[in-house]
Amino acid sequence: MLGNSYHLHFRPGVDVIAALGGLHRFMGWDGPILTDSGGFQVFSLRHTILRADDDGVTFRSVYDGEAASFTPESVAQIQAQLGSDIAMCLDAVPPADAPREALEDAVRLTTLWAARQRSAERAAGQLVFGIAQGGTDVELRTRSIEEITGLDFDGYALGGLAIGEDRDLMFETVGWAAPLLPADRARYFMGIGDPQGVLEVIPGQAGSTSRTPAMRATRRRCKRAAAALPARASRAPTFATSSTSRNCSATAC
């Protein structure tokens, strides 16, 4: 289950959720919960950004128009109060058509913010995942992975993909970038939202040699979901962690 830290910060508010015992009790959900950082909103709500610099990002709230600052430290505190099992680092997500200079600055900011969040206080037992940026640029993506993995997080994610770039190029990038991540840590591809795409990036598919019972079970579930899609053509499918969800409002995601 994924929780959106940006939106939960505003509605109903992290203090409310914390007072009710955290996200698990708030939702009545005993399974794992991952919370994002607001980094995706750097991309999806970029038209509301008032300032983005080394300190963090200041948004104009989509709810009341007031300025709201997100820093690595404040994001860590928000996710600690939410009590998620996995907290994602604040990262800078440029659009797919961003020039190389913007990609390079996103890599720099993502590493800077990750280093600060790595040392910030977290909830008891909470894992923190670092995110690599760099778009489909081989040199920048490789640099970002080296910098983020050097900070020794509990797990790692490939971010800044599945946001409008060529689909084949996206899969090609995942194909060479994923093996650069530590094999002994969890790996998370952020943004993929369709069953066939999920199958493409699961280890054991698309050329990978890693095959485990859990992965095989996941592939079976995804294949069943993919097979069911034509019968549901009258309803646009929505996948909770997807930046490509067609039901995602352009002004409030």
C-alpha atoms as a PDB file:
ATOM      1  CA  MET A   1       0.000   0.000   0.000  1.00  0.00           C
ATOM      2  CA  LEU A   2       1.319   3.438  -0.921  1.00  0.00           C
ATOM      3  CA  GLY A   3       0.562   6.650   0.956  1.00  0.00           C
ATOM      4  CA  ASN A   4       1.122  10.084  -0.563  1.00  0.00           C
ATOM      5  CA  SER A   5       2.977  12.235   1.960  1.00  0.00           C
ATOM      6  CA  TYR A   6       2.281  15.478   0.104  1.00  0.00           C
ATOM      7  CA  HIS A   7      -1.492  15.067   0.178  1.00  0.00           C
ATOM      8  CA  LEU A   8      -1.651  13.475   3.644  1.00  0.00           C
ATOM      9  CA  HIS A   9       0.343  16.437   4.968  1.00  0.00           C
ATOM     10  CA  PHE A  10      -2.533  18.719   3.961  1.00  0.00           C
ATOM     11  CA  ARG A  11      -5.558  16.430   4.276  1.00  0.00           C
ATOM     12  CA  PRO A  12      -6.342  15.209   6.876  1.00  0.00           C
ATOM     13  CA  GLY A  13      -2.939  16.295   8.273  1.00  0.00           C
ATOM     14  CA  VAL A  14      -0.140  14.223   9.748  1.00  0.00           C
ATOM     15  CA  ASP A  15      -0.965  15.310  13.298  1.00  0.00           C
ATOM     16  CA  VAL A  16      -4.447  13.845  12.912  1.00  0.00           C
ATOM     17  CA  ILE A  17      -3.112  10.560  11.541  1.00  0.00           C
ATOM     18  CA  ALA A  18      -0.405  10.355  14.213  1.00  0.00           C
ATOM     19  CA  ALA A  19      -2.979  10.978  16.966  1.00  0.00           C
ATOM     20  CA  LEU A  20      -5.031   8.087  15.601  1.00  0.00           C
ATOM     21  CA  GLY A  21      -2.063   5.721  15.773  1.00  0.00           C
ATOM     22  CA  GLY A  22      -0.419   6.181  12.369  1.00  0.00           C
ATOM     23  CA  LEU A  23      -1.434   5.038   8.905  1.00  0.00           C
ATOM     24  CA  HIS A  24      -1.844   1.367   9.828  1.00  0.00           C
ATOM     25  CA  ARG A  25      -4.490   2.049  12.456  1.00  0.00           C
ATOM     26  CA  PHE A  26      -5.963   4.959  10.502  1.00  0.00           C
ATOM     27  CA  MET A  27      -6.679   2.635   7.555  1.00  0.00           C
ATOM     28  CA  GLY A  28      -7.126  -0.605   9.464  1.00  0.00           C
ATOM     29  CA  TRP A  29      -4.352  -2.130   7.343  1.00  0.00           C
ATOM     30  CA  ASP A  30      -1.842  -4.592   8.827  1.00  0.00           C
ATOM     31  CA  GLY A  31       0.198  -5.046   5.643  1.00  0.00           C
ATOM     32  CA  PRO A  32       3.265  -3.087   4.537  1.00  0.00           C
ATOM     33  CA  ILE A  33       2.884   0.623   3.787  1.00  0.00           C
ATOM     34  CA  LEU A  34       5.291   2.719   1.728  1.00  0.00           C
ATOM     35  CA  THR A  35       5.096   6.502   1.795  1.00  0.00           C
ATOM     36  CA  ASP A  36       6.517   8.738  -0.884  1.00  0.00           C
ATOM     37  CA  SER A  37       8.210  12.027  -0.092  1.00  0.00           C
ATOM     38  CA  GLY A  38       6.525  14.612  -2.258  1.00  0.00           C
ATOM     39  CA  GLY A  39       9.296  14.215  -4.828  1.00  0.00           C
ATOM     40  CA  PHE A  40       6.866  13.135  -7.540  1.00  0.00           C
ATOM     41  CA  GLN A  41       4.951  16.364  -6.971  1.00  0.00           C
ATOM     42  CA  VAL A  42       8.141  18.207  -7.939  1.00  0.00           C
ATOM     43  CA  PHE A  43       7.265  16.820 -11.389  1.00  0.00           C
ATOM     44  CA  SER A  44       3.462  16.548 -11.399  1.00  0.00           C
ATOM     45  CA  LEU A  45       2.772  19.821  -9.560  1.00  0.00           C
ATOM     46  CA  ARG A  46       5.738  21.767 -10.917  1.00  0.00           C
ATOM     47  CA  HIS A  47       3.348  24.559 -11.940  1.00  0.00           C
ATOM     48  CA  THR A  48       2.765  25.169  -8.200  1.00  0.00           C
ATOM     49  CA  ILE A  49       6.445  25.371  -7.182  1.00  0.00           C
ATOM     50  CA  LEU A  50       7.360  28.730  -5.708  1.00  0.00           C
ATOM     51  CA  ARG A  51      11.003  27.888  -5.049  1.00  0.00           C
ATOM     52  CA  ALA A  52      13.340  24.893  -5.418  1.00  0.00           C
ATOM     53  CA  ASP A  53      16.895  25.103  -4.146  1.00  0.00           C
ATOM     54  CA  ASP A  54      19.454  23.273  -2.032  1.00  0.00           C
ATOM     55  CA  ASP A  55      17.267  23.634   1.043  1.00  0.00           C
ATOM     56  CA  GLY A  56      14.210  21.933  -0.480  1.00  0.00           C
ATOM     57  CA  VAL A  57      11.012  22.734  -2.372  1.00  0.00           C
ATOM     58  CA  THR A  58       8.299  25.261  -1.575  1.00  0.00           C
ATOM     59  CA  PHE A  59       4.919  24.552  -3.143  1.00  0.00           C
ATOM     60  CA  ARG A  60       1.769  26.585  -3.406  1.00  0.00           C
ATOM     61  CA  SER A  61      -0.712  24.183  -1.823  1.00  0.00           C
ATOM     62  CA  VAL A  62      -3.303  22.793  -4.229  1.00  0.00           C
ATOM     63  CA  TYR A  63      -5.782  22.934  -1.332  1.00  0.00           C
ATOM     64  CA  ASP A  64      -5.614  26.494  -0.031  1.00  0.00           C
ATOM     65  CA  GLY A  65      -2.901  28.239  -2.050  1.00  0.00           C
ATOM     66  CA  GLU A  66      -0.676  28.748   0.974  1.00  0.00           C
ATOM     67  CA  ALA A  67       3.099  28.232   0.690  1.00  0.00           C
ATOM     68  CA  ALA A  68       4.343  24.911   2.090  1.00  0.00           C
ATOM     69  CA  SER A  69       8.009  23.981   2.362  1.00  0.00           C
ATOM     70  CA  PHE A  70       9.229  20.400   1.955  1.00  0.00           C
ATOM     71  CA  THR A  71      12.817  19.713   3.039  1.00  0.00           C
ATOM     72  CA  PRO A  72      14.591  16.406   3.628  1.00  0.00           C
ATOM     73  CA  GLU A  73      14.179  16.914   7.355  1.00  0.00           C
ATOM     74  CA  SER A  74      10.491  17.873   7.235  1.00  0.00           C
ATOM     75  CA  VAL A  75       9.713  15.007   4.862  1.00  0.00           C
ATOM     76  CA  ALA A  76      11.437  12.582   7.237  1.00  0.00           C
ATOM     77  CA  GLN A  77       9.357  13.961  10.113  1.00  0.00           C
ATOM     78  CA  ILE A  78       6.108  13.686   8.120  1.00  0.00           C
ATOM     79  CA  GLN A  79       6.807  10.057   7.240  1.00  0.00           C
ATOM     80  CA  ALA A  80       7.868   9.255  10.801  1.00  0.00           C
ATOM     81  CA  GLN A  81       4.538  10.607  12.062  1.00  0.00           C
ATOM     82  CA  LEU A  82       2.675   8.623   9.406  1.00  0.00           C
ATOM     83  CA  GLY A  83       4.455   5.525  10.699  1.00  0.00           C
ATOM     84  CA  SER A  84       4.977   3.848   7.339  1.00  0.00           C
ATOM     85  CA  ASP A  85       7.168   0.776   6.990  1.00  0.00           C
ATOM     86  CA  ILE A  86       9.176   2.294   4.130  1.00  0.00           C
ATOM     87  CA  ALA A  87       9.913   6.000   3.732  1.00  0.00           C
ATOM     88  CA  MET A  88      11.179   7.391   0.450  1.00  0.00           C
ATOM     89  CA  CYS A  89      13.760  10.170   0.259  1.00  0.00           C
ATOM     90  CA  LEU A  90      12.891  13.571  -1.111  1.00  0.00           C
ATOM     91  CA  ASP A  91      14.138  13.729  -4.696  1.00  0.00           C
ATOM     92  CA  ALA A  92      14.085  16.146  -7.614  1.00  0.00           C
ATOM     93  CA  VAL A  93      12.106  14.788 -10.561  1.00  0.00           C
ATOM     94  CA  PRO A  94      12.540  16.753 -13.811  1.00  0.00           C
ATOM     95  CA  PRO A  95      10.166  16.191 -16.755  1.00  0.00           C
ATOM     96  CA  ALA A  96      11.106  13.656 -19.419  1.00  0.00           C
ATOM     97  CA  ASP A  97      11.989  16.365 -21.945  1.00  0.00           C
ATOM     98  CA  ALA A  98      14.196  18.323 -19.535  1.00  0.00           C
ATOM     99  CA  PRO A  99      17.576  19.476 -20.937  1.00  0.00           C
ATOM    100  CA  ARG A 100      20.702  17.748 -19.682  1.00  0.00           C
ATOM    101  CA  GLU A 101      21.556  20.675 -17.422  1.00  0.00           C
ATOM    102  CA  ALA A 102      18.266  20.201 -15.572  1.00  0.00           C
ATOM    103  CA  LEU A 103      18.854  16.439 -15.286  1.00  0.00           C
ATOM    104  CA  GLU A 104      22.314  17.083 -13.886  1.00  0.00           C
ATOM    105  CA  ASP A 105      20.985  19.538 -11.307  1.00  0.00           C
ATOM    106  CA  ALA A 106      18.274  17.027 -10.330  1.00  0.00           C
ATOM    107  CA  VAL A 107      20.970  14.427  -9.692  1.00  0.00           C
ATOM    108  CA  ARG A 108      22.910  16.894  -7.564  1.00  0.00           C
ATOM    109  CA  LEU A 109      19.872  17.945  -5.513  1.00  0.00           C
ATOM    110  CA  THR A 110      18.694  14.344  -5.084  1.00  0.00           C
ATOM    111  CA  THR A 111      22.047  13.311  -3.626  1.00  0.00           C
ATOM    112  CA  LEU A 112      22.256  16.397  -1.410  1.00  0.00           C
ATOM    113  CA  TRP A 113      18.750  15.867  -0.037  1.00  0.00           C
ATOM    114  CA  ALA A 114      19.260  12.103   0.371  1.00  0.00           C
ATOM    115  CA  ALA A 115      22.367  12.615   2.488  1.00  0.00           C
ATOM    116  CA  ARG A 116      20.427  14.900   4.817  1.00  0.00           C
ATOM    117  CA  GLN A 117      17.406  12.617   5.065  1.00  0.00           C
ATOM    118  CA  ARG A 118      19.665   9.631   5.677  1.00  0.00           C
ATOM    119  CA  SER A 119      20.741  11.163   8.986  1.00  0.00           C
ATOM    120  CA  ALA A 120      17.292  12.492   9.965  1.00  0.00           C
ATOM    121  CA  GLU A 121      15.235  10.828  12.685  1.00  0.00           C
ATOM    122  CA  ARG A 122      12.878   8.100  11.538  1.00  0.00           C
ATOM    123  CA  ALA A 123      10.084   6.062  13.144  1.00  0.00           C
ATOM    124  CA  ALA A 124      11.121   2.945  15.060  1.00  0.00           C
ATOM    125  CA  GLY A 125      11.719   0.105  12.603  1.00  0.00           C
ATOM    126  CA  GLN A 126      11.105   2.316   9.575  1.00  0.00           C
ATOM    127  CA  LEU A 127      13.201   1.619   6.475  1.00  0.00           C
ATOM    128  CA  VAL A 128      14.412   4.455   4.266  1.00  0.00           C
ATOM    129  CA  PHE A 129      14.971   4.058   0.527  1.00  0.00           C
ATOM    130  CA  GLY A 130      17.211   6.266  -1.600  1.00  0.00           C
ATOM    131  CA  ILE A 131      16.229   7.213  -5.144  1.00  0.00           C
ATOM    132  CA  ALA A 132      18.431   7.485  -8.221  1.00  0.00           C
ATOM    133  CA  GLN A 133      17.652  10.081 -10.884  1.00  0.00           C
ATOM    134  CA  GLY A 134      19.289  10.910 -14.222  1.00  0.00           C
ATOM    135  CA  GLY A 135      16.524  10.203 -16.717  1.00  0.00           C
ATOM    136  CA  THR A 136      17.694   7.952 -19.539  1.00  0.00           C
ATOM    137  CA  ASP A 137      21.138   9.574 -19.634  1.00  0.00           C
ATOM    138  CA  VAL A 138      23.671   6.787 -19.048  1.00  0.00           C
ATOM    139  CA  GLU A 139      26.351   8.951 -17.453  1.00  0.00           C
ATOM    140  CA  LEU A 140      23.997  10.866 -15.157  1.00  0.00           C
ATOM    141  CA  ARG A 141      21.952   7.824 -14.132  1.00  0.00           C
ATOM    142  CA  THR A 142      25.136   5.873 -13.369  1.00  0.00           C
ATOM    143  CA  ARG A 143      26.518   8.797 -11.365  1.00  0.00           C
ATOM    144  CA  SER A 144      23.308   9.082  -9.382  1.00  0.00           C
ATOM    145  CA  ILE A 145      23.247   5.364  -8.580  1.00  0.00           C
ATOM    146  CA  GLU A 146      26.854   5.484  -7.400  1.00  0.00           C
ATOM    147  CA  GLU A 147      26.179   8.492  -5.176  1.00  0.00           C
ATOM    148  CA  ILE A 148      22.932   7.185  -3.692  1.00  0.00           C
ATOM    149  CA  THR A 149      24.166   3.642  -3.063  1.00  0.00           C
ATOM    150  CA  GLY A 150      27.240   5.143  -1.409  1.00  0.00           C
ATOM    151  CA  LEU A 151      24.940   6.522   1.298  1.00  0.00           C
ATOM    152  CA  ASP A 152      23.960   2.986   2.392  1.00  0.00           C
ATOM    153  CA  PHE A 153      20.155   3.014   2.431  1.00  0.00           C
ATOM    154  CA  ASP A 154      17.898   0.104   3.339  1.00  0.00           C
ATOM    155  CA  GLY A 155      16.708  -0.117  -0.262  1.00  0.00           C
ATOM    156  CA  TYR A 156      16.945   1.735  -3.549  1.00  0.00           C
ATOM    157  CA  ALA A 157      14.605   3.010  -6.227  1.00  0.00           C
ATOM    158  CA  LEU A 158      14.914   4.057  -9.837  1.00  0.00           C
ATOM    159  CA  GLY A 159      13.013   7.334 -10.101  1.00  0.00           C
ATOM    160  CA  GLY A 160      12.420   9.791 -12.894  1.00  0.00           C
ATOM    161  CA  LEU A 161      11.147   7.166 -15.341  1.00  0.00           C
ATOM    162  CA  ALA A 162       7.655   6.287 -16.623  1.00  0.00           C
ATOM    163  CA  ILE A 163       6.877  10.007 -16.801  1.00  0.00           C
ATOM    164  CA  GLY A 164       6.426  10.367 -20.549  1.00  0.00           C
ATOM    165  CA  GLU A 165       9.682   9.201 -22.106  1.00  0.00           C
ATOM    166  CA  ASP A 166       9.736   6.647 -24.927  1.00  0.00           C
ATOM    167  CA  ARG A 167       8.551   3.327 -23.458  1.00  0.00           C
ATOM    168  CA  ASP A 168      11.216   1.195 -25.142  1.00  0.00           C
ATOM    169  CA  LEU A 169      13.904   3.591 -23.930  1.00  0.00           C
ATOM    170  CA  MET A 170      12.451   3.365 -20.430  1.00  0.00           C
ATOM    171  CA  PHE A 171      12.721  -0.435 -20.418  1.00  0.00           C
ATOM    172  CA  GLU A 172      16.218  -0.236 -21.911  1.00  0.00           C
ATOM    173  CA  THR A 173      17.270   2.135 -19.118  1.00  0.00           C
ATOM    174  CA  VAL A 174      15.849  -0.117 -16.416  1.00  0.00           C
ATOM    175  CA  GLY A 175      17.586  -3.072 -18.044  1.00  0.00           C
ATOM    176  CA  TRP A 176      21.086  -1.663 -17.600  1.00  0.00           C
ATOM    177  CA  ALA A 177      20.463   0.463 -14.491  1.00  0.00           C
ATOM    178  CA  ALA A 178      18.822  -2.100 -12.192  1.00  0.00           C
ATOM    179  CA  PRO A 179      21.893  -4.398 -12.111  1.00  0.00           C
ATOM    180  CA  LEU A 180      23.944  -1.433 -10.852  1.00  0.00           C
ATOM    181  CA  LEU A 181      21.885  -1.408  -7.644  1.00  0.00           C
ATOM    182  CA  PRO A 182      23.044  -3.593  -4.718  1.00  0.00           C
ATOM    183  CA  ALA A 183      21.763  -7.136  -5.152  1.00  0.00           C
ATOM    184  CA  ASP A 184      21.262  -7.581  -1.401  1.00  0.00           C
ATOM    185  CA  ARG A 185      18.842  -4.660  -1.008  1.00  0.00           C
ATOM    186  CA  ALA A 186      15.255  -4.142  -2.121  1.00  0.00           C
ATOM    187  CA  ARG A 187      14.902  -2.505  -5.544  1.00  0.00           C
ATOM    188  CA  TYR A 188      11.895  -0.411  -6.469  1.00  0.00           C
ATOM    189  CA  PHE A 189      10.971   0.891  -9.915  1.00  0.00           C
ATOM    190  CA  MET A 190       8.840   3.965  -9.268  1.00  0.00           C
ATOM    191  CA  GLY A 191       6.059   4.904 -11.636  1.00  0.00           C
ATOM    192  CA  ILE A 192       5.300   1.816 -13.690  1.00  0.00           C
ATOM    193  CA  GLY A 193       1.549   1.357 -13.638  1.00  0.00           C
ATOM    194  CA  ASP A 194       0.325  -1.264 -16.099  1.00  0.00           C
ATOM    195  CA  PRO A 195       0.455  -5.057 -15.569  1.00  0.00           C
ATOM    196  CA  GLN A 196       2.484  -5.726 -18.716  1.00  0.00           C
ATOM    197  CA  GLY A 197       4.992  -3.058 -17.732  1.00  0.00           C
ATOM    198  CA  VAL A 198       5.304  -4.582 -14.271  1.00  0.00           C
ATOM    199  CA  LEU A 199       6.044  -7.954 -15.875  1.00  0.00           C
ATOM    200  CA  GLU A 200       8.762  -6.374 -17.992  1.00  0.00           C
ATOM    201  CA  VAL A 201      10.706  -5.083 -14.990  1.00  0.00           C
ATOM    202  CA  ILE A 202      10.270  -7.971 -12.540  1.00  0.00           C
ATOM    203  CA  PRO A 203      13.503  -9.992 -12.159  1.00  0.00           C
ATOM    204  CA  GLY A 204      13.181 -13.183 -14.161  1.00  0.00           C
ATOM    205  CA  GLN A 205      11.420 -11.346 -16.971  1.00  0.00           C
ATOM    206  CA  ALA A 206      12.941  -9.270 -19.773  1.00  0.00           C
ATOM    207  CA  GLY A 207      16.319 -10.960 -19.718  1.00  0.00           C
ATOM    208  CA  SER A 208      16.987 -11.155 -15.980  1.00  0.00           C
ATOM    209  CA  THR A 209      18.107 -14.466 -14.482  1.00  0.00           C
ATOM    210  CA  SER A 210      16.751 -13.966 -10.955  1.00  0.00           C
ATOM    211  CA  ARG A 211      13.810 -16.302 -10.327  1.00  0.00           C
ATOM    212  CA  THR A 212      12.274 -16.799  -6.900  1.00  0.00           C
ATOM    213  CA  PRO A 213       8.918 -18.271  -5.804  1.00  0.00           C
ATOM    214  CA  ALA A 214       7.770 -14.815  -4.718  1.00  0.00           C
ATOM    215  CA  MET A 215       8.630 -13.334  -8.095  1.00  0.00           C
ATOM    216  CA  ARG A 216       6.905 -16.188  -9.912  1.00  0.00           C
ATOM    217  CA  ALA A 217       3.782 -15.655  -7.796  1.00  0.00           C
ATOM    218  CA  THR A 218       3.876 -11.939  -8.543  1.00  0.00           C
ATOM    219  CA  ARG A 219       4.162 -12.614 -12.262  1.00  0.00           C
ATOM    220  CA  ARG A 220       1.184 -14.987 -12.116  1.00  0.00           C
ATOM    221  CA  ARG A 221      -0.938 -12.360 -10.383  1.00  0.00           C
ATOM    222  CA  CYS A 222       0.099  -9.684 -12.864  1.00  0.00           C
ATOM    223  CA  LYS A 223      -0.633 -11.978 -15.812  1.00  0.00           C
ATOM    224  CA  ARG A 224      -4.119 -12.654 -14.457  1.00  0.00           C
ATOM    225  CA  ALA A 225      -4.689  -8.919 -14.054  1.00  0.00           C
ATOM    226  CA  ALA A 226      -3.425  -8.227 -17.563  1.00  0.00           C
ATOM    227  CA  ALA A 227      -5.671 -10.937 -19.014  1.00  0.00           C
ATOM    228  CA  ALA A 228      -8.685  -9.405 -17.274  1.00  0.00           C
ATOM    229  CA  LEU A 229      -8.167  -5.898 -18.636  1.00  0.00           C
ATOM    230  CA  PRO A 230     -10.026  -6.314 -21.979  1.00  0.00           C
ATOM    231  CA  ALA A 231     -13.171  -7.381 -20.123  1.00  0.00           C
ATOM    232  CA  ARG A 232     -13.022  -4.158 -18.140  1.00  0.00           C
ATOM    233  CA  ALA A 233     -12.583  -1.880 -21.121  1.00  0.00           C
ATOM    234  CA  SER A 234     -15.489   0.290 -20.036  1.00  0.00           C
ATOM    235  CA  ARG A 235     -13.624   1.289 -16.867  1.00  0.00           C
ATOM    236  CA  ALA A 236     -10.236   2.999 -16.970  1.00  0.00           C
ATOM    237  CA  PRO A 237      -7.901   0.939 -14.762  1.00  0.00           C
ATOM    238  CA  THR A 238      -6.176   2.767 -11.926  1.00  0.00           C
ATOM    239  CA  PHE A 239      -2.968   1.501 -10.336  1.00  0.00           C
ATOM    240  CA  ALA A 240      -2.194   3.131  -7.008  1.00  0.00           C
ATOM    241  CA  THR A 241       1.557   3.643  -7.367  1.00  0.00           C
ATOM    242  CA  SER A 242       1.487   4.724 -10.978  1.00  0.00           C
ATOM    243  CA  SER A 243       2.556   8.102 -12.279  1.00  0.00           C
ATOM    244  CA  THR A 244       0.998   7.001 -15.569  1.00  0.00           C
ATOM    245  CA  SER A 245      -2.499   6.430 -14.176  1.00  0.00           C
ATOM    246  CA  ARG A 246      -5.056   7.906 -16.561  1.00  0.00           C
ATOM    247  CA  ASN A 247      -7.271   8.770 -13.607  1.00  0.00           C
ATOM    248  CA  CYS A 248      -4.636  11.075 -12.118  1.00  0.00           C
ATOM    249  CA  SER A 249      -5.762  14.699 -12.094  1.00  0.00           C
ATOM    250  CA  ALA A 250      -3.307  16.994 -13.846  1.00  0.00           C
ATOM    251  CA  THR A 251      -3.733  19.615 -11.152  1.00  0.00           C
ATOM    252  CA  ALA A 252      -3.743  17.559  -7.963  1.00  0.00           C
ATOM    253  CA  CYS A 253      -1.524  14.453  -8.274  1.00  0.00           C
END
